[in-house]
Amino acid sequence: MEKRVRLKDIAKEAGLSVSAVSMALKNDGTIAAKTVERVKRVARDMGYAPDPALSALSAYRTRLKVRSDFSVIGLVTNWSERDSWSQREQSKEVIRGAKERAMELGYTLQIFWAREEGASPKRFTQILKVRGIRGLVLAPFEDNDEVLDMDWNHFSVVTVSRPSNYAYFHHVVQNHYMDMTRCWEILSERGYSRVGLIVGREFALRWKHQWEAAHLYGCSRNLDNEDPIPILEIEGDQEVAMIRDWLKRYKPDAVINRSAHFHEALAAEGLETPRDIGYVSLNVNDDIENATGIKHRRDVLGAMAVDALNNLLHRNVKGPSDVITGTQVDGVWEEGETLPDLKV
């Protein structure tokens, strides 16, 4: 059998101590970046691979040290008002899932407002460092293009959104494309083809038009030579009027919706769902009672963010990453009373 390359062998080749090699392979911040890079290159050239049994033992020992080494995870919000994000019902679900998973892993989770007492980003960075916090879950920004100019290199970071200026952090987000694909699967099974999509402009921009892309794909699969109903993207004070005009002009058999004023516009037109039109919600969590559509598992989103952060902490991965990675959480189809089967 080929002899396994050991840390001792790498240390000899690199002219370093075994402990220095071990720390370098774990991205320890006390080892110079050039040394870390050199050690990894030597290890790679020598064909080094960690012993799975020893790695498992090391991971177990590391978990035992969690409480004393980095027991607090910071959930950071940077909204204009202190509790504007954390007191929203959908946010509470994320927080609950994150807290429960943090407790299971031996952490506690604390919410920090980055603007507490007028703190600058630099001052906020110092506050977190003084408190010994090494891991952060970054809440969605009020404005997705916002900048929070902290020194991120001191922290392991996971976001529960895709902030425009922080795409280089590991992110855990809703799988909007597959959610829409699931909607179309059900709509097709129930005989719908003339389907319209209404989406708020803020949502469309924040999620890079994933719903629209998947919707157009669904149209191409289910419409034989018929032009799809134009997607209605709305914002501003005229949303109800825009939806009413769109309904009268295109007369869809069903509507997929992610906007705030669809039901108001429908009532103004004297229409009801499901009597006059089928209805699919892209967010049944916050929609009318008994809506049919996608239910977001925001508690799972929070839990998986903590899982991802736990992994980064144990590997001592801090700051921006050269490789963008992420985890997507599919929504669950919720059967309500707003999408009858046309084939019956």
C-alpha atoms as a PDB file:
ATOM      1  CA  MET A   1       0.000   0.000   0.000  1.00  0.00           C
ATOM      2  CA  GLU A   2       1.134   3.527  -0.780  1.00  0.00           C
ATOM      3  CA  LYS A   3       2.339   5.307   2.348  1.00  0.00           C
ATOM      4  CA  ARG A   4      -0.014   8.082   3.562  1.00  0.00           C
ATOM      5  CA  VAL A   5       1.524  11.560   3.580  1.00  0.00           C
ATOM      6  CA  ARG A   6       1.523  12.912   7.138  1.00  0.00           C
ATOM      7  CA  LEU A   7       1.644  16.415   8.569  1.00  0.00           C
ATOM      8  CA  LYS A   8       5.155  15.564   9.738  1.00  0.00           C
ATOM      9  CA  ASP A   9       6.195  14.953   6.111  1.00  0.00           C
ATOM     10  CA  ILE A  10       4.747  18.263   4.956  1.00  0.00           C
ATOM     11  CA  ALA A  11       6.404  20.089   7.853  1.00  0.00           C
ATOM     12  CA  LYS A  12       9.795  18.654   6.902  1.00  0.00           C
ATOM     13  CA  GLU A  13       9.354  19.637   3.251  1.00  0.00           C
ATOM     14  CA  ALA A  14       8.127  23.143   4.109  1.00  0.00           C
ATOM     15  CA  GLY A  15      10.687  23.745   6.871  1.00  0.00           C
ATOM     16  CA  LEU A  16       8.001  24.405   9.470  1.00  0.00           C
ATOM     17  CA  SER A  17       6.753  22.832  12.682  1.00  0.00           C
ATOM     18  CA  VAL A  18       3.938  20.264  12.590  1.00  0.00           C
ATOM     19  CA  SER A  19       1.678  22.603  14.559  1.00  0.00           C
ATOM     20  CA  ALA A  20       2.315  25.445  12.093  1.00  0.00           C
ATOM     21  CA  VAL A  21       1.413  23.162   9.179  1.00  0.00           C
ATOM     22  CA  SER A  22      -1.739  22.009  10.957  1.00  0.00           C
ATOM     23  CA  MET A  23      -2.788  25.597  11.634  1.00  0.00           C
ATOM     24  CA  ALA A  24      -2.038  26.665   8.063  1.00  0.00           C
ATOM     25  CA  LEU A  25      -4.204  23.871   6.633  1.00  0.00           C
ATOM     26  CA  LYS A  26      -7.029  25.104   8.878  1.00  0.00           C
ATOM     27  CA  ASN A  27      -6.670  28.706   7.635  1.00  0.00           C
ATOM     28  CA  ASP A  28      -5.666  29.913  11.090  1.00  0.00           C
ATOM     29  CA  GLY A  29      -5.581  33.706  11.119  1.00  0.00           C
ATOM     30  CA  THR A  30      -2.338  33.788  13.095  1.00  0.00           C
ATOM     31  CA  ILE A  31      -0.432  32.217  10.189  1.00  0.00           C
ATOM     32  CA  ALA A  32       0.668  34.575   7.395  1.00  0.00           C
ATOM     33  CA  ALA A  33      -1.366  34.268   4.206  1.00  0.00           C
ATOM     34  CA  LYS A  34       1.732  33.536   2.120  1.00  0.00           C
ATOM     35  CA  THR A  35       2.696  30.737   4.495  1.00  0.00           C
ATOM     36  CA  VAL A  36      -0.801  29.255   4.343  1.00  0.00           C
ATOM     37  CA  GLU A  37      -0.652  29.319   0.547  1.00  0.00           C
ATOM     38  CA  ARG A  38       2.822  27.722   0.512  1.00  0.00           C
ATOM     39  CA  VAL A  39       1.844  24.960   2.933  1.00  0.00           C
ATOM     40  CA  LYS A  40      -1.273  24.128   0.925  1.00  0.00           C
ATOM     41  CA  ARG A  41       0.783  24.011  -2.269  1.00  0.00           C
ATOM     42  CA  VAL A  42       3.332  21.654  -0.687  1.00  0.00           C
ATOM     43  CA  ALA A  43       0.549  19.454   0.688  1.00  0.00           C
ATOM     44  CA  ARG A  44      -1.138  19.329  -2.699  1.00  0.00           C
ATOM     45  CA  ASP A  45       2.093  18.489  -4.523  1.00  0.00           C
ATOM     46  CA  MET A  46       2.837  15.701  -2.038  1.00  0.00           C
ATOM     47  CA  GLY A  47      -0.640  14.219  -2.452  1.00  0.00           C
ATOM     48  CA  TYR A  48      -1.732  14.870   1.108  1.00  0.00           C
ATOM     49  CA  ALA A  49      -5.257  13.865   2.128  1.00  0.00           C
ATOM     50  CA  PRO A  50      -6.564  14.104   5.716  1.00  0.00           C
ATOM     51  CA  ASP A  51      -7.196  10.841   7.536  1.00  0.00           C
ATOM     52  CA  PRO A  52     -11.036  10.604   7.758  1.00  0.00           C
ATOM     53  CA  ALA A  53     -10.939   9.010  11.206  1.00  0.00           C
ATOM     54  CA  LEU A  54      -8.602  11.649  12.606  1.00  0.00           C
ATOM     55  CA  SER A  55     -10.652  14.411  10.971  1.00  0.00           C
ATOM     56  CA  ALA A  56     -13.814  13.086  12.609  1.00  0.00           C
ATOM     57  CA  LEU A  57     -12.079  12.973  15.993  1.00  0.00           C
ATOM     58  CA  SER A  58     -10.769  16.511  15.517  1.00  0.00           C
ATOM     59  CA  ALA A  59     -14.236  17.764  14.540  1.00  0.00           C
ATOM     60  CA  TYR A  60     -15.702  16.128  17.650  1.00  0.00           C
ATOM     61  CA  ARG A  61     -13.114  17.765  19.884  1.00  0.00           C
ATOM     62  CA  THR A  62     -13.722  21.093  18.180  1.00  0.00           C
ATOM     63  CA  ARG A  63     -17.456  20.877  18.849  1.00  0.00           C
ATOM     64  CA  LEU A  64     -16.725  20.335  22.528  1.00  0.00           C
ATOM     65  CA  LYS A  65     -14.826  23.647  22.524  1.00  0.00           C
ATOM     66  CA  VAL A  66     -17.605  25.668  20.866  1.00  0.00           C
ATOM     67  CA  ARG A  67     -19.000  27.281  23.996  1.00  0.00           C
ATOM     68  CA  SER A  68     -15.649  28.595  25.233  1.00  0.00           C
ATOM     69  CA  ASP A  69     -14.237  29.578  21.831  1.00  0.00           C
ATOM     70  CA  PHE A  70     -17.092  31.261  19.952  1.00  0.00           C
ATOM     71  CA  SER A  71     -20.397  30.574  21.649  1.00  0.00           C
ATOM     72  CA  VAL A  72     -22.321  33.626  20.385  1.00  0.00           C
ATOM     73  CA  ILE A  73     -23.522  34.043  16.814  1.00  0.00           C
ATOM     74  CA  GLY A  74     -24.477  37.588  15.834  1.00  0.00           C
ATOM     75  CA  LEU A  75     -27.558  38.132  13.675  1.00  0.00           C
ATOM     76  CA  VAL A  76     -26.897  41.566  12.180  1.00  0.00           C
ATOM     77  CA  THR A  77     -29.602  43.879  10.866  1.00  0.00           C
ATOM     78  CA  ASN A  78     -28.896  47.297   9.368  1.00  0.00           C
ATOM     79  CA  TRP A  79     -32.400  48.668   8.785  1.00  0.00           C
ATOM     80  CA  SER A  80     -33.144  52.356   9.372  1.00  0.00           C
ATOM     81  CA  GLU A  81     -35.117  51.571  12.553  1.00  0.00           C
ATOM     82  CA  ARG A  82     -33.851  49.211  15.251  1.00  0.00           C
ATOM     83  CA  ASP A  83     -36.602  46.559  15.095  1.00  0.00           C
ATOM     84  CA  SER A  84     -37.933  47.187  11.604  1.00  0.00           C
ATOM     85  CA  TRP A  85     -36.695  43.839  10.305  1.00  0.00           C
ATOM     86  CA  SER A  86     -36.689  41.662  13.413  1.00  0.00           C
ATOM     87  CA  GLN A  87     -40.331  42.393  14.306  1.00  0.00           C
ATOM     88  CA  ARG A  88     -41.743  41.443  10.901  1.00  0.00           C
ATOM     89  CA  GLU A  89     -43.676  38.161  11.063  1.00  0.00           C
ATOM     90  CA  GLN A  90     -41.612  36.535   8.294  1.00  0.00           C
ATOM     91  CA  SER A  91     -38.407  37.604  10.027  1.00  0.00           C
ATOM     92  CA  LYS A  92     -39.534  36.063  13.307  1.00  0.00           C
ATOM     93  CA  GLU A  93     -39.753  32.688  11.552  1.00  0.00           C
ATOM     94  CA  VAL A  94     -36.167  33.021  10.296  1.00  0.00           C
ATOM     95  CA  ILE A  95     -34.973  34.033  13.769  1.00  0.00           C
ATOM     96  CA  ARG A  96     -36.813  31.143  15.418  1.00  0.00           C
ATOM     97  CA  GLY A  97     -35.246  28.585  13.091  1.00  0.00           C
ATOM     98  CA  ALA A  98     -31.798  30.108  13.546  1.00  0.00           C
ATOM     99  CA  LYS A  99     -32.075  30.206  17.345  1.00  0.00           C
ATOM    100  CA  GLU A 100     -33.242  26.611  17.588  1.00  0.00           C
ATOM    101  CA  ARG A 101     -30.424  25.299  15.408  1.00  0.00           C
ATOM    102  CA  ALA A 102     -27.856  27.473  17.195  1.00  0.00           C
ATOM    103  CA  MET A 103     -28.933  25.979  20.517  1.00  0.00           C
ATOM    104  CA  GLU A 104     -28.651  22.437  19.107  1.00  0.00           C
ATOM    105  CA  LEU A 105     -25.073  23.190  18.038  1.00  0.00           C
ATOM    106  CA  GLY A 106     -24.083  24.748  21.356  1.00  0.00           C
ATOM    107  CA  TYR A 107     -24.355  28.430  20.413  1.00  0.00           C
ATOM    108  CA  THR A 108     -26.565  31.275  21.480  1.00  0.00           C
ATOM    109  CA  LEU A 109     -27.846  33.726  18.878  1.00  0.00           C
ATOM    110  CA  GLN A 110     -28.065  37.457  19.565  1.00  0.00           C
ATOM    111  CA  ILE A 111     -29.571  40.142  17.342  1.00  0.00           C
ATOM    112  CA  PHE A 112     -27.415  43.225  16.775  1.00  0.00           C
ATOM    113  CA  TRP A 113     -28.547  46.461  15.155  1.00  0.00           C
ATOM    114  CA  ALA A 114     -25.574  47.863  13.251  1.00  0.00           C
ATOM    115  CA  ARG A 115     -26.723  51.451  13.865  1.00  0.00           C
ATOM    116  CA  GLU A 116     -27.099  51.133  17.655  1.00  0.00           C
ATOM    117  CA  GLU A 117     -26.524  54.535  19.284  1.00  0.00           C
ATOM    118  CA  GLY A 118     -25.407  55.973  15.955  1.00  0.00           C
ATOM    119  CA  ALA A 119     -22.438  53.611  15.645  1.00  0.00           C
ATOM    120  CA  SER A 120     -20.376  53.843  12.476  1.00  0.00           C
ATOM    121  CA  PRO A 121     -19.565  50.583  10.637  1.00  0.00           C
ATOM    122  CA  LYS A 122     -16.010  50.832  11.984  1.00  0.00           C
ATOM    123  CA  ARG A 123     -17.258  51.265  15.548  1.00  0.00           C
ATOM    124  CA  PHE A 124     -19.760  48.419  15.122  1.00  0.00           C
ATOM    125  CA  THR A 125     -16.940  46.154  13.942  1.00  0.00           C
ATOM    126  CA  GLN A 126     -15.020  46.961  17.116  1.00  0.00           C
ATOM    127  CA  ILE A 127     -18.054  46.254  19.302  1.00  0.00           C
ATOM    128  CA  LEU A 128     -18.443  42.787  17.829  1.00  0.00           C
ATOM    129  CA  LYS A 129     -14.719  42.042  18.149  1.00  0.00           C
ATOM    130  CA  VAL A 130     -14.620  43.149  21.802  1.00  0.00           C
ATOM    131  CA  ARG A 131     -17.529  40.830  22.545  1.00  0.00           C
ATOM    132  CA  GLY A 132     -15.607  37.940  21.015  1.00  0.00           C
ATOM    133  CA  ILE A 133     -18.092  37.358  18.205  1.00  0.00           C
ATOM    134  CA  ARG A 134     -16.578  35.587  15.220  1.00  0.00           C
ATOM    135  CA  GLY A 135     -19.648  34.406  13.316  1.00  0.00           C
ATOM    136  CA  LEU A 136     -22.342  36.593  11.720  1.00  0.00           C
ATOM    137  CA  VAL A 137     -25.627  35.903   9.979  1.00  0.00           C
ATOM    138  CA  LEU A 138     -26.400  38.985   7.901  1.00  0.00           C
ATOM    139  CA  ALA A 139     -30.128  39.786   7.676  1.00  0.00           C
ATOM    140  CA  PRO A 140     -31.606  41.120   4.403  1.00  0.00           C
ATOM    141  CA  PHE A 141     -30.972  44.809   3.807  1.00  0.00           C
ATOM    142  CA  GLU A 142     -33.846  47.270   3.692  1.00  0.00           C
ATOM    143  CA  ASP A 143     -32.395  48.441   0.377  1.00  0.00           C
ATOM    144  CA  ASN A 144     -30.732  45.542  -1.404  1.00  0.00           C
ATOM    145  CA  ASP A 145     -28.111  47.906  -2.882  1.00  0.00           C
ATOM    146  CA  GLU A 146     -27.100  49.202   0.536  1.00  0.00           C
ATOM    147  CA  VAL A 147     -23.498  49.213   1.784  1.00  0.00           C
ATOM    148  CA  LEU A 148     -22.406  48.248   5.314  1.00  0.00           C
ATOM    149  CA  ASP A 149     -18.726  49.091   5.296  1.00  0.00           C
ATOM    150  CA  MET A 150     -17.480  46.803   8.076  1.00  0.00           C
ATOM    151  CA  ASP A 151     -14.120  45.061   8.245  1.00  0.00           C
ATOM    152  CA  TRP A 152     -15.493  41.668   7.238  1.00  0.00           C
ATOM    153  CA  ASN A 153     -12.109  39.940   7.434  1.00  0.00           C
ATOM    154  CA  HIS A 154     -12.599  39.474  11.185  1.00  0.00           C
ATOM    155  CA  PHE A 155     -15.740  37.360  10.773  1.00  0.00           C
ATOM    156  CA  SER A 156     -17.214  34.248   9.228  1.00  0.00           C
ATOM    157  CA  VAL A 157     -20.348  35.474   7.432  1.00  0.00           C
ATOM    158  CA  VAL A 158     -23.485  33.916   5.959  1.00  0.00           C
ATOM    159  CA  THR A 159     -26.321  35.980   4.462  1.00  0.00           C
ATOM    160  CA  VAL A 160     -30.011  35.061   4.295  1.00  0.00           C
ATOM    161  CA  SER A 161     -30.470  37.063   1.112  1.00  0.00           C
ATOM    162  CA  ARG A 162     -28.348  38.134  -1.874  1.00  0.00           C
ATOM    163  CA  PRO A 163     -27.259  41.734  -1.105  1.00  0.00           C
ATOM    164  CA  SER A 164     -26.034  43.360  -4.291  1.00  0.00           C
ATOM    165  CA  ASN A 165     -22.692  44.401  -2.795  1.00  0.00           C
ATOM    166  CA  TYR A 166     -22.024  41.235  -0.773  1.00  0.00           C
ATOM    167  CA  ALA A 167     -22.528  38.393  -3.205  1.00  0.00           C
ATOM    168  CA  TYR A 168     -19.159  36.933  -2.187  1.00  0.00           C
ATOM    169  CA  PHE A 169     -20.526  35.597   1.123  1.00  0.00           C
ATOM    170  CA  HIS A 170     -22.138  32.182   1.434  1.00  0.00           C
ATOM    171  CA  HIS A 171     -25.882  32.745   1.142  1.00  0.00           C
ATOM    172  CA  VAL A 172     -28.974  30.768   2.109  1.00  0.00           C
ATOM    173  CA  VAL A 173     -32.016  31.854   0.108  1.00  0.00           C
ATOM    174  CA  GLN A 174     -35.419  30.789  -1.137  1.00  0.00           C
ATOM    175  CA  ASN A 175     -35.280  28.854  -4.415  1.00  0.00           C
ATOM    176  CA  HIS A 176     -37.550  31.192  -6.355  1.00  0.00           C
ATOM    177  CA  TYR A 177     -36.910  29.647  -9.762  1.00  0.00           C
ATOM    178  CA  MET A 178     -37.910  26.150  -8.655  1.00  0.00           C
ATOM    179  CA  ASP A 179     -40.872  27.532  -6.705  1.00  0.00           C
ATOM    180  CA  MET A 180     -42.245  29.001  -9.927  1.00  0.00           C
ATOM    181  CA  THR A 181     -41.502  25.790 -11.794  1.00  0.00           C
ATOM    182  CA  ARG A 182     -43.538  23.906  -9.186  1.00  0.00           C
ATOM    183  CA  CYS A 183     -46.444  26.337  -9.681  1.00  0.00           C
ATOM    184  CA  TRP A 184     -46.461  25.647 -13.398  1.00  0.00           C
ATOM    185  CA  GLU A 185     -46.372  21.884 -12.861  1.00  0.00           C
ATOM    186  CA  ILE A 186     -49.578  22.084 -10.812  1.00  0.00           C
ATOM    187  CA  LEU A 187     -51.235  24.592 -13.152  1.00  0.00           C
ATOM    188  CA  SER A 188     -50.536  22.342 -16.133  1.00  0.00           C
ATOM    189  CA  GLU A 189     -51.858  19.252 -14.343  1.00  0.00           C
ATOM    190  CA  ARG A 190     -55.108  21.096 -13.598  1.00  0.00           C
ATOM    191  CA  GLY A 191     -55.648  22.303 -17.155  1.00  0.00           C
ATOM    192  CA  TYR A 192     -54.510  25.922 -16.977  1.00  0.00           C
ATOM    193  CA  SER A 193     -52.490  27.446 -19.797  1.00  0.00           C
ATOM    194  CA  ARG A 194     -53.527  31.093 -20.038  1.00  0.00           C
ATOM    195  CA  VAL A 195     -51.705  32.170 -16.894  1.00  0.00           C
ATOM    196  CA  GLY A 196     -50.524  35.646 -15.954  1.00  0.00           C
ATOM    197  CA  LEU A 197     -47.817  36.711 -13.505  1.00  0.00           C
ATOM    198  CA  ILE A 198     -47.942  39.826 -11.301  1.00  0.00           C
ATOM    199  CA  VAL A 199     -44.856  40.738  -9.310  1.00  0.00           C
ATOM    200  CA  GLY A 200     -43.845  43.810  -7.335  1.00  0.00           C
ATOM    201  CA  ARG A 201     -40.858  45.595  -8.838  1.00  0.00           C
ATOM    202  CA  GLU A 202     -38.919  45.552  -5.548  1.00  0.00           C
ATOM    203  CA  PHE A 203     -39.241  41.761  -5.333  1.00  0.00           C
ATOM    204  CA  ALA A 204     -38.327  41.361  -8.997  1.00  0.00           C
ATOM    205  CA  LEU A 205     -35.133  43.377  -8.622  1.00  0.00           C
ATOM    206  CA  ARG A 206     -34.120  41.850  -5.285  1.00  0.00           C
ATOM    207  CA  TRP A 207     -34.318  38.314  -6.671  1.00  0.00           C
ATOM    208  CA  LYS A 208     -32.859  39.065 -10.101  1.00  0.00           C
ATOM    209  CA  HIS A 209     -36.076  38.234 -11.988  1.00  0.00           C
ATOM    210  CA  GLN A 210     -35.944  34.522 -11.145  1.00  0.00           C
ATOM    211  CA  TRP A 211     -39.751  34.236 -11.012  1.00  0.00           C
ATOM    212  CA  GLU A 212     -40.115  35.901 -14.394  1.00  0.00           C
ATOM    213  CA  ALA A 213     -37.502  33.665 -16.009  1.00  0.00           C
ATOM    214  CA  ALA A 214     -39.137  30.483 -14.715  1.00  0.00           C
ATOM    215  CA  HIS A 215     -42.582  31.785 -15.674  1.00  0.00           C
ATOM    216  CA  LEU A 216     -41.554  32.401 -19.267  1.00  0.00           C
ATOM    217  CA  TYR A 217     -40.096  28.895 -19.353  1.00  0.00           C
ATOM    218  CA  GLY A 218     -43.421  27.544 -18.066  1.00  0.00           C
ATOM    219  CA  CYS A 219     -45.275  29.481 -20.755  1.00  0.00           C
ATOM    220  CA  SER A 220     -43.017  28.087 -23.481  1.00  0.00           C
ATOM    221  CA  ARG A 221     -43.761  24.544 -22.299  1.00  0.00           C
ATOM    222  CA  ASN A 222     -47.522  24.965 -22.020  1.00  0.00           C
ATOM    223  CA  LEU A 223     -48.557  27.353 -24.792  1.00  0.00           C
ATOM    224  CA  ASP A 224     -48.642  25.879 -28.325  1.00  0.00           C
ATOM    225  CA  ASN A 225     -48.130  28.908 -30.615  1.00  0.00           C
ATOM    226  CA  GLU A 226     -50.052  31.315 -28.400  1.00  0.00           C
ATOM    227  CA  ASP A 227     -48.304  34.430 -27.137  1.00  0.00           C
ATOM    228  CA  PRO A 228     -47.960  34.501 -23.330  1.00  0.00           C
ATOM    229  CA  ILE A 229     -49.724  37.154 -21.286  1.00  0.00           C
ATOM    230  CA  PRO A 230     -47.199  39.964 -20.618  1.00  0.00           C
ATOM    231  CA  ILE A 231     -45.767  39.887 -17.098  1.00  0.00           C
ATOM    232  CA  LEU A 232     -47.096  42.753 -14.978  1.00  0.00           C
ATOM    233  CA  GLU A 233     -44.371  44.356 -12.879  1.00  0.00           C
ATOM    234  CA  ILE A 234     -45.847  46.980 -10.578  1.00  0.00           C
ATOM    235  CA  GLU A 235     -44.795  49.682  -8.137  1.00  0.00           C
ATOM    236  CA  GLY A 236     -45.981  53.061  -6.904  1.00  0.00           C
ATOM    237  CA  ASP A 237     -49.411  54.529  -6.176  1.00  0.00           C
ATOM    238  CA  GLN A 238     -51.220  53.165  -9.236  1.00  0.00           C
ATOM    239  CA  GLU A 239     -50.843  49.455  -8.547  1.00  0.00           C
ATOM    240  CA  VAL A 240     -54.573  48.726  -8.215  1.00  0.00           C
ATOM    241  CA  ALA A 241     -55.398  50.591 -11.427  1.00  0.00           C
ATOM    242  CA  MET A 242     -52.576  48.816 -13.289  1.00  0.00           C
ATOM    243  CA  ILE A 243     -53.790  45.378 -12.179  1.00  0.00           C
ATOM    244  CA  ARG A 244     -57.417  46.182 -13.121  1.00  0.00           C
ATOM    245  CA  ASP A 245     -56.413  47.333 -16.605  1.00  0.00           C
ATOM    246  CA  TRP A 246     -54.243  44.232 -17.038  1.00  0.00           C
ATOM    247  CA  LEU A 247     -57.055  41.875 -15.957  1.00  0.00           C
ATOM    248  CA  LYS A 248     -59.560  43.487 -18.330  1.00  0.00           C
ATOM    249  CA  ARG A 249     -57.161  43.443 -21.248  1.00  0.00           C
ATOM    250  CA  TYR A 250     -55.733  39.918 -20.993  1.00  0.00           C
ATOM    251  CA  LYS A 251     -58.440  37.975 -19.094  1.00  0.00           C
ATOM    252  CA  PRO A 252     -56.193  35.246 -17.638  1.00  0.00           C
ATOM    253  CA  ASP A 253     -57.625  31.923 -16.482  1.00  0.00           C
ATOM    254  CA  ALA A 254     -55.276  31.997 -13.495  1.00  0.00           C
ATOM    255  CA  VAL A 255     -52.877  34.452 -11.902  1.00  0.00           C
ATOM    256  CA  ILE A 256     -49.595  33.785 -10.111  1.00  0.00           C
ATOM    257  CA  ASN A 257     -49.051  36.670  -7.724  1.00  0.00           C
ATOM    258  CA  ARG A 258     -46.310  38.260  -5.611  1.00  0.00           C
ATOM    259  CA  SER A 259     -47.656  41.733  -4.999  1.00  0.00           C
ATOM    260  CA  ALA A 260     -49.667  43.477  -2.313  1.00  0.00           C
ATOM    261  CA  HIS A 261     -52.797  44.745  -4.095  1.00  0.00           C
ATOM    262  CA  PHE A 262     -54.060  41.943  -6.321  1.00  0.00           C
ATOM    263  CA  HIS A 263     -57.085  41.046  -4.185  1.00  0.00           C
ATOM    264  CA  GLU A 264     -58.108  44.685  -3.870  1.00  0.00           C
ATOM    265  CA  ALA A 265     -57.982  45.073  -7.646  1.00  0.00           C
ATOM    266  CA  LEU A 266     -59.875  41.823  -8.185  1.00  0.00           C
ATOM    267  CA  ALA A 267     -62.689  42.967  -5.883  1.00  0.00           C
ATOM    268  CA  ALA A 268     -62.827  46.336  -7.648  1.00  0.00           C
ATOM    269  CA  GLU A 269     -63.457  44.448 -10.902  1.00  0.00           C
ATOM    270  CA  GLY A 270     -66.278  42.471  -9.286  1.00  0.00           C
ATOM    271  CA  LEU A 271     -64.356  39.222  -9.608  1.00  0.00           C
ATOM    272  CA  GLU A 272     -63.747  36.457  -7.084  1.00  0.00           C
ATOM    273  CA  THR A 273     -61.303  33.625  -6.763  1.00  0.00           C
ATOM    274  CA  PRO A 274     -61.740  30.762  -7.465  1.00  0.00           C
ATOM    275  CA  ARG A 275     -65.199  31.418  -8.994  1.00  0.00           C
ATOM    276  CA  ASP A 276     -63.943  33.668 -11.799  1.00  0.00           C
ATOM    277  CA  ILE A 277     -60.199  33.120 -11.822  1.00  0.00           C
ATOM    278  CA  GLY A 278     -57.667  30.646 -10.470  1.00  0.00           C
ATOM    279  CA  TYR A 279     -55.130  32.003  -8.031  1.00  0.00           C
ATOM    280  CA  VAL A 280     -51.610  30.891  -7.064  1.00  0.00           C
ATOM    281  CA  SER A 281     -49.674  32.750  -4.386  1.00  0.00           C
ATOM    282  CA  LEU A 282     -45.888  32.840  -4.354  1.00  0.00           C
ATOM    283  CA  ASN A 283     -46.094  33.544  -0.618  1.00  0.00           C
ATOM    284  CA  VAL A 284     -49.062  31.878   1.095  1.00  0.00           C
ATOM    285  CA  ASN A 285     -47.463  32.665   4.473  1.00  0.00           C
ATOM    286  CA  ASP A 286     -48.581  36.290   4.188  1.00  0.00           C
ATOM    287  CA  ASP A 287     -51.520  36.012   1.778  1.00  0.00           C
ATOM    288  CA  ILE A 288     -55.287  35.597   2.111  1.00  0.00           C
ATOM    289  CA  GLU A 289     -56.673  32.717   4.111  1.00  0.00           C
ATOM    290  CA  ASN A 290     -56.792  29.406   2.219  1.00  0.00           C
ATOM    291  CA  ALA A 291     -54.619  30.661  -0.652  1.00  0.00           C
ATOM    292  CA  THR A 292     -53.095  27.966  -2.848  1.00  0.00           C
ATOM    293  CA  GLY A 293     -49.405  28.208  -3.696  1.00  0.00           C
ATOM    294  CA  ILE A 294     -45.908  28.269  -2.262  1.00  0.00           C
ATOM    295  CA  LYS A 295     -45.285  28.211   1.466  1.00  0.00           C
ATOM    296  CA  HIS A 296     -41.856  29.456   2.500  1.00  0.00           C
ATOM    297  CA  ARG A 297     -40.009  27.437   5.153  1.00  0.00           C
ATOM    298  CA  ARG A 298     -38.322  30.448   6.692  1.00  0.00           C
ATOM    299  CA  ASP A 299     -37.496  28.517   9.842  1.00  0.00           C
ATOM    300  CA  VAL A 300     -35.492  26.090   7.698  1.00  0.00           C
ATOM    301  CA  LEU A 301     -33.805  29.065   6.030  1.00  0.00           C
ATOM    302  CA  GLY A 302     -32.635  30.326   9.431  1.00  0.00           C
ATOM    303  CA  ALA A 303     -31.512  26.883  10.564  1.00  0.00           C
ATOM    304  CA  MET A 304     -29.511  26.252   7.407  1.00  0.00           C
ATOM    305  CA  ALA A 305     -27.828  29.651   7.697  1.00  0.00           C
ATOM    306  CA  VAL A 306     -26.555  28.614  11.127  1.00  0.00           C
ATOM    307  CA  ASP A 307     -25.447  25.241   9.747  1.00  0.00           C
ATOM    308  CA  ALA A 308     -23.457  26.978   7.007  1.00  0.00           C
ATOM    309  CA  LEU A 309     -21.933  29.417   9.496  1.00  0.00           C
ATOM    310  CA  ASN A 310     -21.007  26.580  11.860  1.00  0.00           C
ATOM    311  CA  ASN A 311     -19.089  24.960   9.008  1.00  0.00           C
ATOM    312  CA  LEU A 312     -17.199  28.188   8.254  1.00  0.00           C
ATOM    313  CA  LEU A 313     -16.342  28.724  11.917  1.00  0.00           C
ATOM    314  CA  HIS A 314     -14.887  25.263  12.333  1.00  0.00           C
ATOM    315  CA  ARG A 315     -12.779  25.743   9.208  1.00  0.00           C
ATOM    316  CA  ASN A 316     -11.816  29.241  10.327  1.00  0.00           C
ATOM    317  CA  VAL A 317     -12.963  30.753   7.026  1.00  0.00           C
ATOM    318  CA  LYS A 318     -13.315  34.520   7.377  1.00  0.00           C
ATOM    319  CA  GLY A 319     -14.137  37.445   5.157  1.00  0.00           C
ATOM    320  CA  PRO A 320     -15.094  37.503   1.464  1.00  0.00           C
ATOM    321  CA  SER A 321     -14.685  34.288  -0.505  1.00  0.00           C
ATOM    322  CA  ASP A 322     -13.069  33.943  -3.910  1.00  0.00           C
ATOM    323  CA  VAL A 323     -15.731  31.396  -4.834  1.00  0.00           C
ATOM    324  CA  ILE A 324     -19.413  32.307  -4.462  1.00  0.00           C
ATOM    325  CA  THR A 325     -21.368  29.485  -2.847  1.00  0.00           C
ATOM    326  CA  GLY A 326     -24.932  29.221  -1.648  1.00  0.00           C
ATOM    327  CA  THR A 327     -27.757  27.037  -0.412  1.00  0.00           C
ATOM    328  CA  GLN A 328     -31.296  27.221  -1.774  1.00  0.00           C
ATOM    329  CA  VAL A 329     -34.416  26.193   0.117  1.00  0.00           C
ATOM    330  CA  ASP A 330     -37.382  25.053  -1.979  1.00  0.00           C
ATOM    331  CA  GLY A 331     -40.826  26.186  -0.903  1.00  0.00           C
ATOM    332  CA  VAL A 332     -43.583  23.705  -0.084  1.00  0.00           C
ATOM    333  CA  TRP A 333     -46.764  23.470  -2.146  1.00  0.00           C
ATOM    334  CA  GLU A 334     -49.715  24.459   0.056  1.00  0.00           C
ATOM    335  CA  GLU A 335     -53.101  23.238  -1.131  1.00  0.00           C
ATOM    336  CA  GLY A 336     -55.715  25.877  -0.419  1.00  0.00           C
ATOM    337  CA  GLU A 337     -59.052  26.707  -2.028  1.00  0.00           C
ATOM    338  CA  THR A 338     -58.098  29.099  -4.836  1.00  0.00           C
ATOM    339  CA  LEU A 339     -57.047  26.795  -7.694  1.00  0.00           C
ATOM    340  CA  PRO A 340     -59.789  24.368  -8.776  1.00  0.00           C
ATOM    341  CA  ASP A 341     -59.105  21.665 -11.336  1.00  0.00           C
ATOM    342  CA  LEU A 342     -60.320  22.809 -14.782  1.00  0.00           C
ATOM    343  CA  LYS A 343     -60.257  19.232 -16.060  1.00  0.00           C
ATOM    344  CA  VAL A 344     -63.065  18.118 -13.746  1.00  0.00           C
END
